[in-house]
Amino acid sequence: MPTSTLTLTGVGSTPPVMILEAPRGLPNIQTLYPGIIVNLSTGASLTYTVEVTGDPAPSTSGIWNAFDGLSALTASANGSLLGRVSAIRCTISAYTSGTLKFQVIQ
């Protein structure tokens, strides 16, 4: 089960994490519904949003949308991707202190 762990310590975005697809005819619940975990360090003061895209070649200037329920947060959170996307990333929009760890489990 591949896990991507990325860290942010200031305003900006993580690199896109490409979402794997299950082989045709062989559905795999872990591949189809990857987990998302965002952990903030103790005392962190920041605001972040998890974003998704359907772009076939995701880039910084591509089309990104806030992931439902994981937008403008200031505390650790987790969720699951239930829809089809090509990539996911995390963006810090306001930062005073702390560290954000972003994990995607596929």
C-alpha atoms as a PDB file:
ATOM      1  CA  MET A   1       0.000   0.000   0.000  1.00  0.00           C
ATOM      2  CA  PRO A   2       1.855   3.121  -1.215  1.00  0.00           C
ATOM      3  CA  THR A   3       1.912   6.059   1.176  1.00  0.00           C
ATOM      4  CA  SER A   4       3.030   9.572   0.267  1.00  0.00           C
ATOM      5  CA  THR A   5       4.099  11.811   3.154  1.00  0.00           C
ATOM      6  CA  LEU A   6       4.814  15.485   2.442  1.00  0.00           C
ATOM      7  CA  THR A   7       5.687  18.288   4.874  1.00  0.00           C
ATOM      8  CA  LEU A   8       4.972  22.035   4.677  1.00  0.00           C
ATOM      9  CA  THR A   9       6.297  24.761   6.978  1.00  0.00           C
ATOM     10  CA  GLY A  10       5.012  27.916   5.290  1.00  0.00           C
ATOM     11  CA  VAL A  11       2.527  29.310   2.783  1.00  0.00           C
ATOM     12  CA  GLY A  12       2.430  27.199  -0.382  1.00  0.00           C
ATOM     13  CA  SER A  13       1.379  23.840  -1.790  1.00  0.00           C
ATOM     14  CA  THR A  14       2.750  20.322  -1.657  1.00  0.00           C
ATOM     15  CA  PRO A  15       3.655  18.716  -4.966  1.00  0.00           C
ATOM     16  CA  PRO A  16       0.672  16.849  -6.461  1.00  0.00           C
ATOM     17  CA  VAL A  17       0.238  13.243  -5.339  1.00  0.00           C
ATOM     18  CA  MET A  18      -0.938  11.197  -8.328  1.00  0.00           C
ATOM     19  CA  ILE A  19      -3.837   8.860  -7.519  1.00  0.00           C
ATOM     20  CA  LEU A  20      -3.360   5.274  -8.660  1.00  0.00           C
ATOM     21  CA  GLU A  21      -6.082   3.444 -10.579  1.00  0.00           C
ATOM     22  CA  ALA A  22      -7.195  -0.130  -9.955  1.00  0.00           C
ATOM     23  CA  PRO A  23      -6.485  -2.473 -12.880  1.00  0.00           C
ATOM     24  CA  ARG A  24      -9.510  -2.857 -15.141  1.00  0.00           C
ATOM     25  CA  GLY A  25     -11.817  -5.633 -13.935  1.00  0.00           C
ATOM     26  CA  LEU A  26     -10.028  -5.900 -10.581  1.00  0.00           C
ATOM     27  CA  PRO A  27     -11.583  -3.365  -8.194  1.00  0.00           C
ATOM     28  CA  ASN A  28      -9.429  -2.635  -5.179  1.00  0.00           C
ATOM     29  CA  ILE A  29     -11.153  -0.643  -2.415  1.00  0.00           C
ATOM     30  CA  GLN A  30      -7.839   0.773  -1.134  1.00  0.00           C
ATOM     31  CA  THR A  31      -6.854   2.042  -4.570  1.00  0.00           C
ATOM     32  CA  LEU A  32     -10.297   3.409  -5.409  1.00  0.00           C
ATOM     33  CA  TYR A  33     -10.719   5.207  -2.073  1.00  0.00           C
ATOM     34  CA  PRO A  34      -7.355   6.535  -0.867  1.00  0.00           C
ATOM     35  CA  GLY A  35      -7.109   7.909   2.650  1.00  0.00           C
ATOM     36  CA  ILE A  36      -6.076  11.469   3.466  1.00  0.00           C
ATOM     37  CA  ILE A  37      -4.439  12.393   6.774  1.00  0.00           C
ATOM     38  CA  VAL A  38      -3.275  15.882   7.744  1.00  0.00           C
ATOM     39  CA  ASN A  39      -1.433  16.304  11.057  1.00  0.00           C
ATOM     40  CA  LEU A  40      -0.354  19.632  12.514  1.00  0.00           C
ATOM     41  CA  SER A  41       2.460  19.958  15.018  1.00  0.00           C
ATOM     42  CA  THR A  42       1.535  20.916  18.578  1.00  0.00           C
ATOM     43  CA  GLY A  43       0.777  24.628  18.769  1.00  0.00           C
ATOM     44  CA  ALA A  44       0.734  25.100  14.988  1.00  0.00           C
ATOM     45  CA  SER A  45      -0.936  28.289  13.802  1.00  0.00           C
ATOM     46  CA  LEU A  46      -1.857  27.902  10.136  1.00  0.00           C
ATOM     47  CA  THR A  47      -4.799  27.469   7.752  1.00  0.00           C
ATOM     48  CA  TYR A  48      -4.816  24.778   5.084  1.00  0.00           C
ATOM     49  CA  THR A  49      -7.010  23.264   2.375  1.00  0.00           C
ATOM     50  CA  VAL A  50      -6.800  19.864   0.692  1.00  0.00           C
ATOM     51  CA  GLU A  51      -7.303  20.249  -3.057  1.00  0.00           C
ATOM     52  CA  VAL A  52      -8.081  17.821  -5.908  1.00  0.00           C
ATOM     53  CA  THR A  53      -7.782  17.975  -9.693  1.00  0.00           C
ATOM     54  CA  GLY A  54      -8.917  15.980 -12.691  1.00  0.00           C
ATOM     55  CA  ASP A  55      -6.123  17.327 -14.896  1.00  0.00           C
ATOM     56  CA  PRO A  56      -4.329  14.466 -16.697  1.00  0.00           C
ATOM     57  CA  ALA A  57      -0.947  16.145 -16.052  1.00  0.00           C
ATOM     58  CA  PRO A  58      -1.423  18.113 -12.793  1.00  0.00           C
ATOM     59  CA  SER A  59       0.631  21.279 -12.414  1.00  0.00           C
ATOM     60  CA  THR A  60       0.815  24.266 -10.098  1.00  0.00           C
ATOM     61  CA  SER A  61      -1.114  26.369 -12.617  1.00  0.00           C
ATOM     62  CA  GLY A  62      -3.730  23.667 -13.307  1.00  0.00           C
ATOM     63  CA  ILE A  63      -7.351  23.507 -12.152  1.00  0.00           C
ATOM     64  CA  TRP A  64      -7.559  22.726  -8.422  1.00  0.00           C
ATOM     65  CA  ASN A  65     -10.730  22.560  -6.297  1.00  0.00           C
ATOM     66  CA  ALA A  66     -11.076  22.444  -2.532  1.00  0.00           C
ATOM     67  CA  PHE A  67     -11.889  18.939  -1.290  1.00  0.00           C
ATOM     68  CA  ASP A  68     -15.302  18.895   0.406  1.00  0.00           C
ATOM     69  CA  GLY A  69     -14.954  19.027   4.196  1.00  0.00           C
ATOM     70  CA  LEU A  70     -11.199  19.696   4.187  1.00  0.00           C
ATOM     71  CA  SER A  71     -11.144  23.407   3.417  1.00  0.00           C
ATOM     72  CA  ALA A  72      -9.860  26.362   5.481  1.00  0.00           C
ATOM     73  CA  LEU A  73      -8.941  24.122   8.444  1.00  0.00           C
ATOM     74  CA  THR A  74      -6.768  25.015  11.435  1.00  0.00           C
ATOM     75  CA  ALA A  75      -6.556  21.569  13.120  1.00  0.00           C
ATOM     76  CA  SER A  76      -5.522  18.038  12.163  1.00  0.00           C
ATOM     77  CA  ALA A  77      -8.100  16.159  10.056  1.00  0.00           C
ATOM     78  CA  ASN A  78      -8.604  13.106   7.857  1.00  0.00           C
ATOM     79  CA  GLY A  79     -10.872  11.912   5.077  1.00  0.00           C
ATOM     80  CA  SER A  80     -11.291   9.566   2.144  1.00  0.00           C
ATOM     81  CA  LEU A  81     -11.484  10.209  -1.579  1.00  0.00           C
ATOM     82  CA  LEU A  82     -14.770   8.785  -2.812  1.00  0.00           C
ATOM     83  CA  GLY A  83     -14.737  10.314  -6.286  1.00  0.00           C
ATOM     84  CA  ARG A  84     -12.388   9.969  -9.231  1.00  0.00           C
ATOM     85  CA  VAL A  85      -9.528  12.474  -9.326  1.00  0.00           C
ATOM     86  CA  SER A  86      -6.093  12.398 -10.957  1.00  0.00           C
ATOM     87  CA  ALA A  87      -4.157  14.062  -8.113  1.00  0.00           C
ATOM     88  CA  ILE A  88      -4.436  15.622  -4.661  1.00  0.00           C
ATOM     89  CA  ARG A  89      -2.363  18.235  -2.826  1.00  0.00           C
ATOM     90  CA  CYS A  90      -2.433  20.342   0.337  1.00  0.00           C
ATOM     91  CA  THR A  91      -2.111  24.131   0.391  1.00  0.00           C
ATOM     92  CA  ILE A  92      -1.322  26.383   3.354  1.00  0.00           C
ATOM     93  CA  SER A  93      -2.963  29.770   2.802  1.00  0.00           C
ATOM     94  CA  ALA A  94      -2.074  31.442   6.119  1.00  0.00           C
ATOM     95  CA  TYR A  95       0.963  30.632   8.257  1.00  0.00           C
ATOM     96  CA  THR A  96       2.363  31.848  11.553  1.00  0.00           C
ATOM     97  CA  SER A  97       4.092  28.747  12.945  1.00  0.00           C
ATOM     98  CA  GLY A  98       4.208  24.977  13.000  1.00  0.00           C
ATOM     99  CA  THR A  99       4.509  22.038  10.628  1.00  0.00           C
ATOM    100  CA  LEU A 100       1.896  20.296   8.490  1.00  0.00           C
ATOM    101  CA  LYS A 101       2.319  16.629   7.510  1.00  0.00           C
ATOM    102  CA  PHE A 102       0.140  15.531   4.584  1.00  0.00           C
ATOM    103  CA  GLN A 103      -0.318  11.807   3.918  1.00  0.00           C
ATOM    104  CA  VAL A 104      -2.142  10.062   1.079  1.00  0.00           C
ATOM    105  CA  ILE A 105      -2.537   6.300   1.569  1.00  0.00           C
ATOM    106  CA  GLN A 106      -3.365   4.311  -1.559  1.00  0.00           C
END
